[in-house]
Each structure stands twice: as C-alpha cells, then as structure tokens.
Amino acid sequence: MSDLARIHDQLTLYTTGNLTRSELIAFDDHLRRCRNCQARAPHLFEMAAALIPDSPAPEETWSRIVSAIEQR
C-alpha cells in the first residue's frame, strides 16, 4: 500500500478521533494539502456523529479542518 493510500485510509480514523498523536500530526499535514480529504472529511464527521452520538468530534478537530480549508 502506498503512503498516500495509507493516509487516505486514515481519514475515517481521523474523523472518529482514533489516530495516535503522531498519526494525527501527519494527517493534519496531509489535510492541508489534499482537496479530496478536505471535501470528504465533513461528510465523514457527520456520519461519525450520527453513528456515535455520545462521541462528537472535539472542537479542536473542527478548528483544524476549518483552518486547513481556509489556508487553501
């Protein structure tokens, strides 16, 4: 599996808050550059929130997504 494919596979883990600290740092860096992940992340956050209502995405996560998109 390529590094890019591995990173894209982590999008679901990212949206559910299940990445390690080092994975999160790497994914945040990727998210700043990847329009595909920027487009998919909000939808996956909505799905995760619907499936795991007691575990909403932390505000810090939303702030990072908004910041990454705004930097585009």
PDB file of N, CA and C in Angstrom:
ATOM      1  N   MET A   1       0.851  -1.170   0.000  1.00  0.00           N
ATOM      2  CA  MET A   1       0.000   0.000   0.000  1.00  0.00           C
ATOM      3  C   MET A   1       0.899   1.235   0.000  1.00  0.00           C
ATOM      4  N   SER A   2       0.580   2.187  -0.849  1.00  0.00           N
ATOM      5  CA  SER A   2       1.379   3.408  -0.906  1.00  0.00           C
ATOM      6  C   SER A   2       1.118   4.276   0.326  1.00  0.00           C
ATOM      7  N   ASP A   3       2.042   5.197   0.579  1.00  0.00           N
ATOM      8  CA  ASP A   3       1.865   6.108   1.715  1.00  0.00           C
ATOM      9  C   ASP A   3       0.587   6.925   1.548  1.00  0.00           C
ATOM     10  N   LEU A   4       0.298   7.361   0.305  1.00  0.00           N
ATOM     11  CA  LEU A   4      -0.907   8.154   0.072  1.00  0.00           C
ATOM     12  C   LEU A   4      -2.161   7.330   0.342  1.00  0.00           C
ATOM     13  N   ALA A   5      -2.177   6.083  -0.100  1.00  0.00           N
ATOM     14  CA  ALA A   5      -3.334   5.215   0.157  1.00  0.00           C
ATOM     15  C   ALA A   5      -3.501   4.992   1.660  1.00  0.00           C
ATOM     16  N   ARG A   6      -2.392   4.812   2.367  1.00  0.00           N
ATOM     17  CA  ARG A   6      -2.453   4.615   3.824  1.00  0.00           C
ATOM     18  C   ARG A   6      -3.026   5.851   4.506  1.00  0.00           C
ATOM     19  N   ILE A   7      -2.559   7.015   4.080  1.00  0.00           N
ATOM     20  CA  ILE A   7      -3.064   8.277   4.647  1.00  0.00           C
ATOM     21  C   ILE A   7      -4.556   8.416   4.363  1.00  0.00           C
ATOM     22  N   HIS A   8      -4.985   8.135   3.146  1.00  0.00           N
ATOM     23  CA  HIS A   8      -6.406   8.250   2.817  1.00  0.00           C
ATOM     24  C   HIS A   8      -7.237   7.268   3.636  1.00  0.00           C
ATOM     25  N   ASP A   9      -6.696   6.090   3.918  1.00  0.00           N
ATOM     26  CA  ASP A   9      -7.397   5.127   4.761  1.00  0.00           C
ATOM     27  C   ASP A   9      -7.562   5.647   6.188  1.00  0.00           C
ATOM     28  N   GLN A  10      -6.706   6.554   6.597  1.00  0.00           N
ATOM     29  CA  GLN A  10      -6.774   7.091   7.957  1.00  0.00           C
ATOM     30  C   GLN A  10      -7.858   8.162   8.119  1.00  0.00           C
ATOM     31  N   LEU A  11      -8.469   8.582   7.034  1.00  0.00           N
ATOM     32  CA  LEU A  11      -9.486   9.634   7.136  1.00  0.00           C
ATOM     33  C   LEU A  11     -10.610   9.236   8.087  1.00  0.00           C
ATOM     34  N   THR A  12     -11.064   8.010   7.998  1.00  0.00           N
ATOM     35  CA  THR A  12     -12.132   7.564   8.897  1.00  0.00           C
ATOM     36  C   THR A  12     -11.659   7.560  10.344  1.00  0.00           C
ATOM     37  N   LEU A  13     -10.442   7.096  10.569  1.00  0.00           N
ATOM     38  CA  LEU A  13      -9.896   7.117  11.934  1.00  0.00           C
ATOM     39  C   LEU A  13      -9.760   8.548  12.442  1.00  0.00           C
ATOM     40  N   TYR A  14      -9.394   9.441  11.556  1.00  0.00           N
ATOM     41  CA  TYR A  14      -9.262  10.863  11.904  1.00  0.00           C
ATOM     42  C   TYR A  14     -10.614  11.426  12.347  1.00  0.00           C
ATOM     43  N   THR A  15     -11.644  11.138  11.571  1.00  0.00           N
ATOM     44  CA  THR A  15     -12.957  11.720  11.872  1.00  0.00           C
ATOM     45  C   THR A  15     -13.603  11.117  13.106  1.00  0.00           C
ATOM     46  N   THR A  16     -13.116   9.960  13.540  1.00  0.00           N
ATOM     47  CA  THR A  16     -13.662   9.364  14.762  1.00  0.00           C
ATOM     48  C   THR A  16     -12.726   9.540  15.952  1.00  0.00           C
ATOM     49  N   GLY A  17     -11.620  10.283  15.745  1.00  0.00           N
ATOM     50  CA  GLY A  17     -10.695  10.562  16.842  1.00  0.00           C
ATOM     51  C   GLY A  17      -9.874   9.367  17.257  1.00  0.00           C
ATOM     52  N   ASN A  18      -9.588   8.475  16.327  1.00  0.00           N
ATOM     53  CA  ASN A  18      -8.883   7.241  16.666  1.00  0.00           C
ATOM     54  C   ASN A  18      -7.477   7.150  16.085  1.00  0.00           C
ATOM     55  N   LEU A  19      -6.818   8.271  15.895  1.00  0.00           N
ATOM     56  CA  LEU A  19      -5.427   8.270  15.456  1.00  0.00           C
ATOM     57  C   LEU A  19      -4.514   8.527  16.648  1.00  0.00           C
ATOM     58  N   THR A  20      -3.327   7.962  16.570  1.00  0.00           N
ATOM     59  CA  THR A  20      -2.327   8.265  17.598  1.00  0.00           C
ATOM     60  C   THR A  20      -1.870   9.710  17.390  1.00  0.00           C
ATOM     61  N   ARG A  21      -1.167  10.236  18.334  1.00  0.00           N
ATOM     62  CA  ARG A  21      -0.668  11.625  18.233  1.00  0.00           C
ATOM     63  C   ARG A  21       0.185  11.815  16.976  1.00  0.00           C
ATOM     64  N   SER A  22       1.102  10.899  16.717  1.00  0.00           N
ATOM     65  CA  SER A  22       1.972  11.042  15.539  1.00  0.00           C
ATOM     66  C   SER A  22       1.182  10.884  14.246  1.00  0.00           C
ATOM     67  N   GLU A  23       0.203   9.988  14.227  1.00  0.00           N
ATOM     68  CA  GLU A  23      -0.655   9.838  13.042  1.00  0.00           C
ATOM     69  C   GLU A  23      -1.481  11.096  12.821  1.00  0.00           C
ATOM     70  N   LEU A  24      -1.968  11.679  13.908  1.00  0.00           N
ATOM     71  CA  LEU A  24      -2.762  12.900  13.811  1.00  0.00           C
ATOM     72  C   LEU A  24      -1.941  14.048  13.226  1.00  0.00           C
ATOM     73  N   ILE A  25      -0.721  14.195  13.668  1.00  0.00           N
ATOM     74  CA  ILE A  25       0.154  15.250  13.147  1.00  0.00           C
ATOM     75  C   ILE A  25       0.375  15.048  11.651  1.00  0.00           C
ATOM     76  N   ALA A  26       0.670  13.811  11.251  1.00  0.00           N
ATOM     77  CA  ALA A  26       0.896  13.511   9.835  1.00  0.00           C
ATOM     78  C   ALA A  26      -0.365  13.749   9.021  1.00  0.00           C
ATOM     79  N   PHE A  27      -1.524  13.363   9.579  1.00  0.00           N
ATOM     80  CA  PHE A  27      -2.765  13.542   8.822  1.00  0.00           C
ATOM     81  C   PHE A  27      -3.133  15.012   8.717  1.00  0.00           C
ATOM     82  N   ASP A  28      -2.930  15.774   9.762  1.00  0.00           N
ATOM     83  CA  ASP A  28      -3.193  17.220   9.694  1.00  0.00           C
ATOM     84  C   ASP A  28      -2.370  17.863   8.582  1.00  0.00           C
ATOM     85  N   ASP A  29      -1.114  17.463   8.477  1.00  0.00           N
ATOM     86  CA  ASP A  29      -0.249  17.975   7.409  1.00  0.00           C
ATOM     87  C   ASP A  29      -0.810  17.590   6.042  1.00  0.00           C
ATOM     88  N   HIS A  30      -1.231  16.353   5.905  1.00  0.00           N
ATOM     89  CA  HIS A  30      -1.815  15.883   4.651  1.00  0.00           C
ATOM     90  C   HIS A  30      -3.102  16.651   4.324  1.00  0.00           C
ATOM     91  N   LEU A  31      -3.936  16.853   5.325  1.00  0.00           N
ATOM     92  CA  LEU A  31      -5.225  17.511   5.111  1.00  0.00           C
ATOM     93  C   LEU A  31      -5.059  18.934   4.585  1.00  0.00           C
ATOM     94  N   ARG A  32      -4.006  19.599   4.993  1.00  0.00           N
ATOM     95  CA  ARG A  32      -3.762  20.962   4.499  1.00  0.00           C
ATOM     96  C   ARG A  32      -3.512  20.976   2.995  1.00  0.00           C
ATOM     97  N   ARG A  33      -3.081  19.852   2.437  1.00  0.00           N
ATOM     98  CA  ARG A  33      -2.718  19.808   1.019  1.00  0.00           C
ATOM     99  C   ARG A  33      -3.682  19.010   0.146  1.00  0.00           C
ATOM    100  N   CYS A  34      -4.520  18.192   0.716  1.00  0.00           N
ATOM    101  CA  CYS A  34      -5.345  17.258  -0.063  1.00  0.00           C
ATOM    102  C   CYS A  34      -6.793  17.730  -0.173  1.00  0.00           C
ATOM    103  N   ARG A  35      -7.145  18.203  -1.340  1.00  0.00           N
ATOM    104  CA  ARG A  35      -8.526  18.670  -1.557  1.00  0.00           C
ATOM    105  C   ARG A  35      -9.533  17.527  -1.436  1.00  0.00           C
ATOM    106  N   ASN A  36      -9.135  16.317  -1.829  1.00  0.00           N
ATOM    107  CA  ASN A  36     -10.021  15.170  -1.723  1.00  0.00           C
ATOM    108  C   ASN A  36     -10.408  14.922  -0.262  1.00  0.00           C
ATOM    109  N   CYS A  37      -9.429  14.899   0.618  1.00  0.00           N
ATOM    110  CA  CYS A  37      -9.719  14.684   2.040  1.00  0.00           C
ATOM    111  C   CYS A  37     -10.468  15.872   2.632  1.00  0.00           C
ATOM    112  N   GLN A  38     -10.146  17.080   2.199  1.00  0.00           N
ATOM    113  CA  GLN A  38     -10.854  18.269   2.678  1.00  0.00           C
ATOM    114  C   GLN A  38     -12.334  18.170   2.333  1.00  0.00           C
ATOM    115  N   ALA A  39     -12.637  17.650   1.155  1.00  0.00           N
ATOM    116  CA  ALA A  39     -14.031  17.521   0.728  1.00  0.00           C
ATOM    117  C   ALA A  39     -14.748  16.391   1.459  1.00  0.00           C
ATOM    118  N   ARG A  40     -14.040  15.300   1.726  1.00  0.00           N
ATOM    119  CA  ARG A  40     -14.662  14.130   2.346  1.00  0.00           C
ATOM    120  C   ARG A  40     -14.795  14.237   3.862  1.00  0.00           C
ATOM    121  N   ALA A  41     -13.890  14.936   4.515  1.00  0.00           N
ATOM    122  CA  ALA A  41     -13.864  14.970   5.981  1.00  0.00           C
ATOM    123  C   ALA A  41     -15.181  15.442   6.608  1.00  0.00           C
ATOM    124  N   PRO A  42     -15.764  16.558   6.160  1.00  0.00           N
ATOM    125  CA  PRO A  42     -17.007  16.998   6.805  1.00  0.00           C
ATOM    126  C   PRO A  42     -18.120  15.951   6.739  1.00  0.00           C
ATOM    127  N   HIS A  43     -18.224  15.245   5.627  1.00  0.00           N
ATOM    128  CA  HIS A  43     -19.259  14.216   5.486  1.00  0.00           C
ATOM    129  C   HIS A  43     -19.001  13.051   6.442  1.00  0.00           C
ATOM    130  N   LEU A  44     -17.741  12.676   6.575  1.00  0.00           N
ATOM    131  CA  LEU A  44     -17.417  11.586   7.491  1.00  0.00           C
ATOM    132  C   LEU A  44     -17.624  11.994   8.947  1.00  0.00           C
ATOM    133  N   PHE A  45     -17.366  13.264   9.272  1.00  0.00           N
ATOM    134  CA  PHE A  45     -17.654  13.739  10.631  1.00  0.00           C
ATOM    135  C   PHE A  45     -19.149  13.647  10.921  1.00  0.00           C
ATOM    136  N   GLU A  46     -19.965  14.016   9.947  1.00  0.00           N
ATOM    137  CA  GLU A  46     -21.420  13.929  10.129  1.00  0.00           C
ATOM    138  C   GLU A  46     -21.848  12.481  10.337  1.00  0.00           C
ATOM    139  N   MET A  47     -21.304  11.575   9.521  1.00  0.00           N
ATOM    140  CA  MET A  47     -21.653  10.161   9.671  1.00  0.00           C
ATOM    141  C   MET A  47     -21.192   9.627  11.022  1.00  0.00           C
ATOM    142  N   ALA A  48     -19.987   9.975  11.420  1.00  0.00           N
ATOM    143  CA  ALA A  48     -19.473   9.507  12.709  1.00  0.00           C
ATOM    144  C   ALA A  48     -20.332  10.032  13.854  1.00  0.00           C
ATOM    145  N   ALA A  49     -20.729  11.293  13.780  1.00  0.00           N
ATOM    146  CA  ALA A  49     -21.562  11.876  14.832  1.00  0.00           C
ATOM    147  C   ALA A  49     -22.918  11.174  14.905  1.00  0.00           C
ATOM    148  N   ALA A  50     -23.444  10.785  13.742  1.00  0.00           N
ATOM    149  CA  ALA A  50     -24.729  10.085  13.724  1.00  0.00           C
ATOM    150  C   ALA A  50     -24.605   8.670  14.278  1.00  0.00           C
ATOM    151  N   LEU A  51     -23.480   8.031  13.994  1.00  0.00           N
ATOM    152  CA  LEU A  51     -23.284   6.657  14.440  1.00  0.00           C
ATOM    153  C   LEU A  51     -22.792   6.569  15.878  1.00  0.00           C
ATOM    154  N   ILE A  52     -22.086   7.593  16.320  1.00  0.00           N
ATOM    155  CA  ILE A  52     -21.512   7.609  17.666  1.00  0.00           C
ATOM    156  C   ILE A  52     -21.962   8.907  18.347  1.00  0.00           C
ATOM    157  N   PRO A  53     -23.246   9.043  18.645  1.00  0.00           N
ATOM    158  CA  PRO A  53     -23.755  10.316  19.157  1.00  0.00           C
ATOM    159  C   PRO A  53     -23.141  10.759  20.480  1.00  0.00           C
ATOM    160  N   ASP A  54     -22.637   9.830  21.262  1.00  0.00           N
ATOM    161  CA  ASP A  54     -22.029  10.198  22.540  1.00  0.00           C
ATOM    162  C   ASP A  54     -20.571  10.631  22.380  1.00  0.00           C
ATOM    163  N   SER A  55     -20.045  10.554  21.178  1.00  0.00           N
ATOM    164  CA  SER A  55     -18.646  10.895  20.937  1.00  0.00           C
ATOM    165  C   SER A  55     -18.506  11.897  19.789  1.00  0.00           C
ATOM    166  N   PRO A  56     -19.022  13.099  19.955  1.00  0.00           N
ATOM    167  CA  PRO A  56     -18.873  14.070  18.872  1.00  0.00           C
ATOM    168  C   PRO A  56     -17.408  14.437  18.672  1.00  0.00           C
ATOM    169  N   ALA A  57     -17.103  14.893  17.483  1.00  0.00           N
ATOM    170  CA  ALA A  57     -15.731  15.313  17.196  1.00  0.00           C
ATOM    171  C   ALA A  57     -15.356  16.467  18.117  1.00  0.00           C
ATOM    172  N   PRO A  58     -14.170  16.440  18.683  1.00  0.00           N
ATOM    173  CA  PRO A  58     -13.735  17.535  19.545  1.00  0.00           C
ATOM    174  C   PRO A  58     -13.676  18.850  18.772  1.00  0.00           C
ATOM    175  N   GLU A  59     -13.950  19.931  19.441  1.00  0.00           N
ATOM    176  CA  GLU A  59     -13.911  21.252  18.805  1.00  0.00           C
ATOM    177  C   GLU A  59     -12.546  21.511  18.167  1.00  0.00           C
ATOM    178  N   GLU A  60     -11.493  21.029  18.806  1.00  0.00           N
ATOM    179  CA  GLU A  60     -10.144  21.201  18.265  1.00  0.00           C
ATOM    180  C   GLU A  60     -10.030  20.578  16.868  1.00  0.00           C
ATOM    181  N   THR A  61     -10.680  19.452  16.669  1.00  0.00           N
ATOM    182  CA  THR A  61     -10.647  18.786  15.366  1.00  0.00           C
ATOM    183  C   THR A  61     -11.337  19.633  14.318  1.00  0.00           C
ATOM    184  N   TRP A  62     -12.513  20.157  14.638  1.00  0.00           N
ATOM    185  CA  TRP A  62     -13.236  21.016  13.693  1.00  0.00           C
ATOM    186  C   TRP A  62     -12.404  22.250  13.367  1.00  0.00           C
ATOM    187  N   SER A  63     -11.765  22.818  14.367  1.00  0.00           N
ATOM    188  CA  SER A  63     -10.936  24.007  14.144  1.00  0.00           C
ATOM    189  C   SER A  63      -9.796  23.708  13.188  1.00  0.00           C
ATOM    190  N   ARG A  64      -9.179  22.533  13.333  1.00  0.00           N
ATOM    191  CA  ARG A  64      -8.085  22.159  12.424  1.00  0.00           C
ATOM    192  C   ARG A  64      -8.585  21.988  10.998  1.00  0.00           C
ATOM    193  N   ILE A  65      -9.761  21.410  10.832  1.00  0.00           N
ATOM    194  CA  ILE A  65     -10.315  21.222   9.486  1.00  0.00           C
ATOM    195  C   ILE A  65     -10.609  22.571   8.847  1.00  0.00           C
ATOM    196  N   VAL A  66     -11.288  23.433   9.583  1.00  0.00           N
ATOM    197  CA  VAL A  66     -11.622  24.760   9.054  1.00  0.00           C
ATOM    198  C   VAL A  66     -10.344  25.516   8.709  1.00  0.00           C
ATOM    199  N   SER A  67      -9.373  25.463   9.567  1.00  0.00           N
ATOM    200  CA  SER A  67      -8.108  26.156   9.331  1.00  0.00           C
ATOM    201  C   SER A  67      -7.417  25.605   8.087  1.00  0.00           C
ATOM    202  N   ALA A  68      -7.392  24.294   7.932  1.00  0.00           N
ATOM    203  CA  ALA A  68      -6.739  23.690   6.773  1.00  0.00           C
ATOM    204  C   ALA A  68      -7.439  24.095   5.480  1.00  0.00           C
ATOM    205  N   ILE A  69      -8.745  24.146   5.514  1.00  0.00           N
ATOM    206  CA  ILE A  69      -9.505  24.540   4.306  1.00  0.00           C
ATOM    207  C   ILE A  69      -9.307  26.022   4.011  1.00  0.00           C
ATOM    208  N   GLU A  70      -9.309  26.833   5.031  1.00  0.00           N
ATOM    209  CA  GLU A  70      -9.129  28.278   4.837  1.00  0.00           C
ATOM    210  C   GLU A  70      -7.754  28.623   4.286  1.00  0.00           C
ATOM    211  N   GLN A  71      -6.765  27.791   4.586  1.00  0.00           N
ATOM    212  CA  GLN A  71      -5.415  28.036   4.091  1.00  0.00           C
ATOM    213  C   GLN A  71      -5.304  27.791   2.606  1.00  0.00           C
ATOM    214  N   ARG A  72      -6.281  27.161   2.014  1.00  0.00           N
ATOM    215  CA  ARG A  72      -6.284  26.903   0.577  1.00  0.00           C
ATOM    216  C   ARG A  72      -6.538  28.153  -0.126  1.00  0.00           C
TER     217      ARG A  72
END
